Protein backbone atom coordinates (compact mmCIF):
# COMPACT_ATOMS: atom_id res chain seq x y z
CA MET A 1 -50.32 -47.11 -15.68
CA ASP A 2 -53.77 -47.61 -17.21
CA GLN A 3 -55.06 -48.50 -13.78
CA LYS A 4 -53.66 -45.31 -12.29
CA LEU A 5 -55.31 -43.21 -14.98
CA SER A 6 -58.60 -44.94 -14.38
CA LEU A 7 -58.43 -44.35 -10.65
CA ASN A 8 -57.44 -40.76 -11.25
CA ASN A 9 -60.49 -40.21 -13.46
CA GLU A 10 -62.76 -41.75 -10.86
CA PHE A 11 -61.27 -39.48 -8.22
CA LYS A 12 -62.01 -36.44 -10.39
CA ALA A 13 -65.56 -37.57 -10.92
CA PHE A 14 -66.27 -37.42 -7.19
CA LEU A 15 -64.59 -34.08 -6.51
CA PRO A 16 -66.90 -31.15 -5.92
CA TYR A 17 -67.19 -29.03 -9.06
CA SER A 18 -65.76 -25.87 -7.48
CA THR A 19 -62.68 -27.75 -6.23
CA LEU A 20 -62.15 -29.40 -9.60
CA ARG A 21 -62.42 -26.04 -11.35
CA THR A 22 -59.76 -24.57 -9.04
CA LEU A 23 -57.40 -27.48 -9.62
CA TYR A 24 -57.88 -27.33 -13.36
CA LYS A 25 -57.44 -23.58 -13.48
CA HIS A 26 -53.93 -23.82 -12.06
CA ALA A 27 -52.85 -27.05 -13.74
CA THR A 28 -50.05 -26.85 -16.27
CA LEU A 29 -51.94 -29.31 -18.45
CA ARG A 30 -54.54 -26.60 -19.23
CA GLN A 31 -51.85 -24.21 -20.42
CA LYS A 32 -50.38 -26.83 -22.74
CA THR A 33 -53.67 -27.86 -24.32
CA GLU A 34 -55.07 -24.37 -25.07
CA SER A 35 -53.28 -23.87 -28.36
CA LYS A 36 -54.07 -21.26 -30.97
CA SER A 37 -55.29 -23.93 -33.34
CA ILE A 38 -58.07 -24.97 -30.96
CA VAL A 39 -59.14 -21.37 -30.39
CA SER A 40 -59.10 -20.73 -34.10
CA LYS A 41 -61.31 -23.76 -34.76
CA CYS A 42 -63.77 -22.59 -32.13
CA ARG A 43 -64.01 -19.17 -33.70
CA CYS A 44 -64.58 -20.59 -37.12
CA ALA A 45 -67.61 -22.43 -35.82
CA TYR A 46 -69.57 -19.15 -35.87
CA PRO A 47 -70.37 -17.60 -39.26
CA THR A 48 -69.18 -14.03 -39.88
CA ILE A 49 -72.04 -11.65 -40.73
CA ALA A 50 -71.42 -8.14 -42.05
CA PHE A 51 -73.81 -5.32 -41.16
CA GLN A 52 -74.76 -5.02 -44.82
CA ASP A 53 -75.87 -8.67 -44.81
CA LEU A 54 -78.55 -8.05 -42.19
CA PRO A 55 -82.16 -7.92 -43.38
CA ASN A 56 -83.25 -4.44 -44.41
CA GLU A 57 -86.00 -4.48 -41.80
CA LEU A 58 -83.43 -5.01 -39.03
CA ILE A 59 -81.12 -2.30 -40.42
CA LEU A 60 -84.03 0.17 -40.39
CA VAL A 61 -84.73 -0.64 -36.74
CA ILE A 62 -81.05 -0.07 -35.84
CA PHE A 63 -81.02 3.23 -37.74
CA SER A 64 -84.10 4.40 -35.82
CA PHE A 65 -82.00 4.67 -32.64
CA LEU A 66 -79.44 7.04 -34.17
CA GLU A 67 -79.09 10.52 -32.72
CA LEU A 68 -78.96 13.47 -35.11
CA LYS A 69 -75.20 13.63 -35.80
CA PRO A 70 -74.76 9.89 -36.55
CA TYR A 71 -77.92 10.04 -38.66
CA ILE A 72 -76.45 12.91 -40.70
CA ILE A 73 -73.05 11.23 -41.08
CA SER A 74 -74.64 7.93 -42.13
CA HIS A 75 -75.92 9.55 -45.32
CA GLY A 76 -72.34 9.68 -46.58
CA VAL A 77 -71.48 6.00 -46.05
CA CYS A 78 -72.88 4.43 -49.21
CA ARG A 79 -75.70 4.68 -51.72
CA LYS A 80 -77.71 1.91 -50.06
CA TRP A 81 -77.77 3.80 -46.77
CA GLN A 82 -78.73 7.00 -48.56
CA GLN A 83 -81.74 5.19 -49.97
CA MET A 84 -82.70 3.56 -46.67
CA LEU A 85 -82.24 6.42 -44.20
CA PRO A 86 -85.27 8.45 -45.41
CA LEU A 87 -87.40 5.38 -44.64
CA VAL A 88 -86.23 5.15 -41.03
CA ASP A 89 -88.82 5.78 -38.33
CA ILE A 90 -86.71 8.27 -36.34
CA HIS A 91 -88.00 10.64 -33.69
CA PRO A 92 -90.16 13.29 -35.43
CA ILE A 93 -88.15 16.13 -33.86
CA ARG A 94 -84.92 14.61 -35.20
CA ARG A 95 -86.61 14.38 -38.59
CA ARG A 96 -87.46 18.08 -38.48
CA MET A 97 -83.95 18.97 -37.31
CA PHE A 98 -82.51 17.02 -40.24
CA LYS A 99 -84.80 18.90 -42.63
CA LEU A 100 -83.59 22.21 -41.19
CA PHE A 101 -79.97 21.03 -41.51
CA HIS A 102 -80.55 20.10 -45.16
CA HIS A 103 -82.47 23.35 -45.81
CA MET A 104 -79.54 25.43 -44.54
CA LEU A 105 -76.91 23.38 -46.33
CA GLN A 106 -78.64 23.74 -49.70
CA HIS A 107 -78.69 27.54 -49.60
CA PRO A 108 -76.25 29.01 -52.16
CA GLY A 109 -74.96 31.47 -49.55
CA PHE A 110 -74.45 28.90 -46.80
CA LEU A 111 -70.63 28.86 -46.88
CA ASP A 112 -70.54 32.65 -46.66
CA THR A 113 -72.31 32.43 -43.29
CA ARG A 114 -69.76 30.13 -41.64
CA PRO A 115 -66.54 32.13 -40.96
CA TRP A 116 -67.58 34.12 -37.88
CA PRO A 117 -69.56 31.33 -36.13
CA LEU A 118 -66.80 28.78 -36.71
CA GLN A 119 -64.15 31.17 -35.39
CA THR A 120 -66.05 31.97 -32.21
CA ILE A 121 -68.06 28.93 -31.05
CA GLN A 122 -66.93 27.34 -27.80
CA PRO A 123 -67.91 23.94 -26.38
CA PHE A 124 -70.29 23.91 -23.44
CA ASP A 125 -71.86 21.23 -21.27
CA ARG A 126 -75.12 20.59 -23.06
CA LYS A 127 -76.67 18.38 -20.40
CA ALA A 128 -75.72 20.85 -17.68
CA TYR A 129 -77.41 23.63 -19.68
CA ILE A 130 -80.70 21.69 -19.69
CA GLU A 131 -80.32 20.70 -16.05
CA ALA A 132 -79.81 24.35 -15.11
CA LEU A 133 -83.10 25.26 -16.81
CA LEU A 134 -84.87 22.39 -15.04
CA SER A 135 -83.54 23.63 -11.71
CA GLN A 136 -85.48 26.86 -12.32
CA TYR A 137 -88.63 25.34 -13.84
CA PRO A 138 -89.72 21.68 -14.06
CA ALA A 139 -90.34 21.54 -17.82
CA VAL A 140 -88.27 22.34 -20.92
CA PRO A 141 -89.89 22.37 -24.40
CA GLU A 142 -88.90 19.09 -26.04
CA GLU A 143 -87.80 20.56 -29.37
CA PHE A 144 -85.51 23.04 -27.67
CA GLU A 145 -84.07 20.38 -25.38
CA LEU A 146 -83.25 17.99 -28.22
CA TRP A 147 -81.80 20.86 -30.26
CA ILE A 148 -79.48 21.80 -27.39
CA LEU A 149 -78.40 18.18 -26.89
CA GLU A 150 -77.92 17.10 -30.51
CA TRP A 151 -77.66 20.02 -32.96
CA PRO A 152 -74.19 20.22 -34.61
CA ALA A 153 -72.46 23.33 -33.28
CA ARG A 154 -70.89 24.01 -36.67
CA MET A 155 -74.40 24.41 -38.10
CA VAL A 156 -75.30 27.19 -35.68
CA VAL A 157 -77.93 29.55 -37.11
CA PHE A 158 -75.67 32.60 -37.26
CA SER A 159 -74.69 32.97 -33.58
CA MET A 160 -77.94 31.88 -31.95
CA TRP A 161 -76.28 29.28 -29.73
CA PRO A 162 -75.23 29.01 -26.07
CA GLY A 163 -71.63 28.36 -27.15
CA SER A 164 -71.45 31.51 -29.29
CA PRO A 165 -70.29 34.83 -27.81
CA PHE A 166 -72.57 36.99 -25.69
CA THR A 167 -71.97 39.91 -28.02
CA HIS A 168 -73.87 42.88 -29.41
CA TYR A 169 -73.64 42.54 -33.20
CA GLN A 170 -73.95 46.03 -34.61
CA ASP A 171 -74.75 45.21 -38.25
CA VAL A 172 -75.98 42.58 -40.66
CA THR A 173 -72.97 41.06 -42.41
CA LYS A 174 -72.58 37.95 -44.53
CA ASP A 175 -71.91 35.81 -41.45
CA GLN A 176 -73.74 37.67 -38.68
CA VAL A 177 -77.00 39.49 -38.03
CA HIS A 178 -77.85 42.53 -35.93
CA GLY A 179 -78.68 41.89 -32.30
CA ILE A 180 -77.59 40.11 -29.13
CA ASN A 181 -77.37 36.35 -28.64
CA TRP A 182 -79.16 36.10 -25.28
CA LEU A 183 -78.88 32.30 -25.32
CA ALA A 184 -75.27 32.91 -24.28
CA TYR A 185 -76.35 35.01 -21.28
CA LEU A 186 -74.99 32.75 -18.54
CA PRO A 187 -74.93 34.53 -15.18
CA GLU A 188 -72.86 32.42 -12.78
CA GLY A 189 -72.19 30.03 -15.66
CA SER A 190 -75.79 28.90 -16.19
CA PRO A 191 -78.74 30.06 -18.32
CA SER A 192 -81.37 32.19 -16.63
CA LEU A 193 -85.10 31.99 -17.25
CA LEU A 194 -86.70 35.42 -17.18
CA THR A 195 -90.28 36.55 -16.62
CA LEU A 196 -92.98 37.40 -19.15
CA VAL A 197 -96.34 38.92 -18.25
CA HIS A 198 -99.27 37.10 -19.85
CA ARG A 199 -101.99 39.68 -20.39
CA SER A 200 -105.35 38.62 -21.77
CA ARG A 201 -108.97 39.74 -21.67
CA ILE A 202 -110.17 36.22 -20.89
CA HIS A 203 -108.17 35.59 -17.69
CA ASP A 204 -106.24 37.37 -14.98
CA HIS A 205 -102.83 38.70 -15.87
CA HIS A 206 -100.04 36.54 -14.54
CA SER A 207 -96.32 35.97 -14.91
CA MET A 208 -94.84 33.03 -16.81
CA PRO A 209 -91.29 31.72 -17.40
CA ALA A 210 -89.56 32.36 -20.70
CA LEU A 211 -86.06 32.25 -22.15
CA LEU A 212 -84.83 35.41 -23.85
CA ILE A 213 -83.35 34.26 -27.17
CA TRP A 214 -82.35 37.27 -29.23
CA ALA A 215 -82.93 41.00 -29.14
CA ASN A 216 -82.08 44.10 -31.11
CA ASN A 217 -83.45 47.62 -30.75
CA ALA A 218 -86.45 46.76 -32.93
CA LYS A 219 -87.39 43.17 -31.97
CA ILE A 220 -87.31 40.85 -29.00
CA MET A 221 -87.68 37.05 -29.13
CA TRP A 222 -88.83 34.72 -26.34
CA LEU A 223 -89.20 30.95 -25.94
CA ILE A 224 -92.15 30.32 -23.61
CA PHE A 225 -91.73 27.68 -20.87
CA ASP A 226 -95.13 27.82 -19.15
CA LYS A 227 -96.40 24.21 -19.09
CA ASP A 228 -99.65 25.37 -17.48
CA GLU A 229 -100.46 27.18 -20.74
CA PRO A 230 -100.54 24.28 -23.26
CA GLU A 231 -101.32 26.63 -26.14
CA LEU A 232 -98.14 28.60 -25.42
CA PHE A 233 -95.68 26.03 -24.05
CA GLY A 234 -92.74 25.65 -26.44
CA ARG A 235 -93.84 28.47 -28.73
CA VAL A 236 -91.69 31.43 -29.70
CA GLN A 237 -92.94 35.00 -29.58
CA VAL A 238 -91.29 37.68 -31.73
CA THR A 239 -92.42 41.20 -30.86
CA ASP A 240 -91.63 44.37 -32.79
CA TRP A 241 -91.45 47.74 -31.04
CA ASN A 242 -94.16 48.93 -33.49
CA SER A 243 -96.58 46.35 -32.09
CA GLU A 244 -97.95 48.59 -29.32
CA GLN A 245 -96.91 45.92 -26.85
CA ALA A 246 -94.33 45.99 -24.11
CA PRO A 247 -91.28 43.76 -24.72
CA ILE A 248 -92.07 41.80 -21.55
CA GLU A 249 -95.70 40.91 -22.31
CA CYS A 250 -97.50 38.19 -24.20
CA ARG A 251 -101.05 38.76 -25.39
CA PHE A 252 -102.63 35.47 -26.30
CA PRO A 253 -105.14 34.90 -27.66
CA MET A 254 -105.32 38.20 -29.47
CA PRO A 255 -108.44 39.39 -31.36
CA ASP A 256 -108.04 39.13 -35.14
CA ASP A 257 -108.60 42.85 -35.60
CA GLU A 258 -105.58 43.56 -33.38
CA HIS A 259 -103.25 40.88 -34.69
CA ASP A 260 -100.57 41.76 -37.24
CA ASP A 261 -97.84 39.22 -38.06
CA ARG A 262 -95.53 42.03 -39.10
CA TYR A 263 -95.29 43.31 -35.54
CA CYS A 264 -96.07 40.36 -33.30
CA ARG A 265 -95.82 36.74 -34.30
CA ILE A 266 -96.04 33.54 -32.29
CA PHE A 267 -94.39 30.51 -33.90
CA ASP A 268 -95.78 27.07 -33.19
CA ASN A 269 -92.44 25.57 -32.19
CA TRP A 270 -88.72 26.18 -31.85
CA LEU A 271 -87.64 24.69 -35.19
CA GLU A 272 -90.25 26.65 -37.14
CA PHE A 273 -88.86 29.82 -35.59
CA LEU A 274 -85.25 28.85 -36.35
CA GLN A 275 -86.02 28.30 -40.03
CA HIS A 276 -87.82 31.65 -40.18
CA PHE A 277 -84.85 33.37 -38.50
CA TRP A 278 -82.50 31.75 -41.03
CA ASP A 279 -84.64 32.56 -44.09
CA VAL A 280 -85.33 36.20 -43.19
CA ASN A 281 -81.71 36.99 -42.45
CA MET A 282 -80.41 35.10 -45.48
CA ARG A 283 -82.55 37.34 -47.67
CA CYS A 284 -80.91 40.37 -46.05
CA ILE A 285 -77.45 38.89 -46.47
CA MET A 286 -77.96 38.00 -50.12
CA TYR A 287 -79.06 41.57 -50.73
CA LEU A 288 -75.92 42.89 -49.02
CA LEU A 289 -73.69 40.57 -51.01
CA SER A 290 -75.12 42.05 -54.20
CA LYS A 291 -73.81 45.47 -53.16
CA SER A 292 -70.24 46.53 -53.81
CA SER A 293 -69.71 47.84 -50.28
CA PHE A 294 -71.52 48.53 -47.05
CA GLN A 295 -70.72 50.15 -43.72
CA TYR A 296 -69.45 47.88 -40.96
CA HIS A 297 -69.38 48.52 -37.20
CA GLU A 298 -67.31 46.49 -34.78
CA HIS A 299 -69.08 43.95 -32.55
CA ARG A 300 -69.29 44.84 -28.86
CA PRO A 301 -68.88 42.07 -26.26
CA MET A 302 -71.49 42.35 -23.52
CA ALA A 303 -70.20 43.29 -20.08
CA HIS A 304 -71.27 41.68 -16.81
CA PRO A 305 -73.35 42.32 -14.85
CA VAL A 306 -75.94 43.18 -17.50
CA PRO A 307 -77.98 46.31 -16.62
CA TYR A 308 -81.62 45.67 -15.71
CA GLU A 309 -84.65 47.83 -16.43
CA PHE A 310 -88.14 46.39 -16.35
CA GLY A 311 -89.83 46.68 -19.76
CA SER A 312 -86.84 48.18 -21.60
CA TRP A 313 -86.63 47.92 -25.39
CA MET A 314 -82.85 48.44 -25.33
CA ALA A 315 -81.21 45.29 -26.69
CA ASN A 316 -78.29 45.41 -24.27
CA ILE A 317 -80.46 45.79 -21.15
CA ARG A 318 -82.14 42.83 -19.44
CA PRO A 319 -85.86 43.69 -19.67
CA SER A 320 -87.33 41.47 -16.96
CA PRO A 321 -86.36 39.80 -13.66
CA PRO A 322 -85.26 36.18 -13.25
CA TRP A 323 -88.14 33.75 -13.02
CA VAL A 324 -86.94 32.43 -9.66
CA SER A 325 -87.47 35.88 -8.11
CA CYS A 326 -90.71 36.86 -9.87
CA ASN A 327 -92.79 36.48 -6.70
CA GLU A 328 -90.74 38.91 -4.68
CA PRO A 329 -92.84 41.92 -3.56
CA GLN A 330 -90.77 44.53 -5.40
CA ILE A 331 -90.98 42.52 -8.64
CA GLN A 332 -94.74 42.10 -8.33
CA GLU A 333 -95.05 45.83 -7.72
CA ALA A 334 -92.97 46.63 -10.81
CA MET A 335 -95.17 44.40 -12.98
CA GLN A 336 -98.38 45.94 -11.65
CA ASN A 337 -97.24 49.55 -11.89
CA PHE A 338 -95.63 49.29 -15.31
CA ASP A 339 -97.18 51.56 -17.94
CA TYR A 340 -98.29 49.02 -20.54
CA PRO A 341 -98.92 50.51 -24.02
CA ASP A 342 -102.53 49.29 -24.25
CA SER A 343 -104.52 50.10 -21.12
CA ASP A 344 -107.59 48.28 -22.52
CA TYR A 345 -106.08 45.02 -21.23
CA ASP A 346 -106.00 46.29 -17.64
């Protein structure tokens, strides 16, 4: 018997490895020897390490890869994480978004602003929204892109959000502000870049792509997409009808003697504008809440197709053509023949 075992072992030693592996794989002996006790002993050979046992330096590196929502949620896990998370080297835009999130949350009237947005927000394909913009123009301002991809929908700044209704809000109420959420203007299911006219005394007038954000009958707000204008790319222009400017023009740079922040303001970036929009409207809302009653008008959903009139100040009328058609002869003619308020720029 011993001799047979010895010969058998020698035979195995000379078998090609692949053949031996196949034989062993199907042998009943393998099934009998792989007991739970052996597996258990193998597992015990490796020490168990909890996440909390990792060096702080390694935890900080792991935290640095968090997107905005996990980063926010992580603050509620434990006190140690609360102390460590402010030290994490996260993307600077995520840091600014978190500061805006915290700024909104700390406002005493924050909960009063939630009912209408939470009742009306709808999910949308965030990546497809960005891809649709890129199909019309090859660059999207980074702050706006990251905000679209990662901002919590439940923290929408009033209804300034692609997933909020495309509605004409008639009044300022505790959970809504006057105007139209043009971010939700989705012809054929996708956002549409429109056309601004850049008028300046230091260069030829030309058209540039911009996204219409919000409009009421007194103000219009644009996010500028023109990557060939580094001083304007990613900035937000808010123009008042008292500014002696057309709603479809951008004058930059503007002489100091003509510039008035009350009537025309250009914000450095998207998040700076969002905080301003929040703060200004919260002051209005807090004032309204201090009153015993105020008049309320019903919101009006916007109908499709949206009427178009070049240079219109009416909030419910699209004031400029789509960027993809701005070079068409009739569009160029409309831009050239438009009666701009200040002829000195011509």
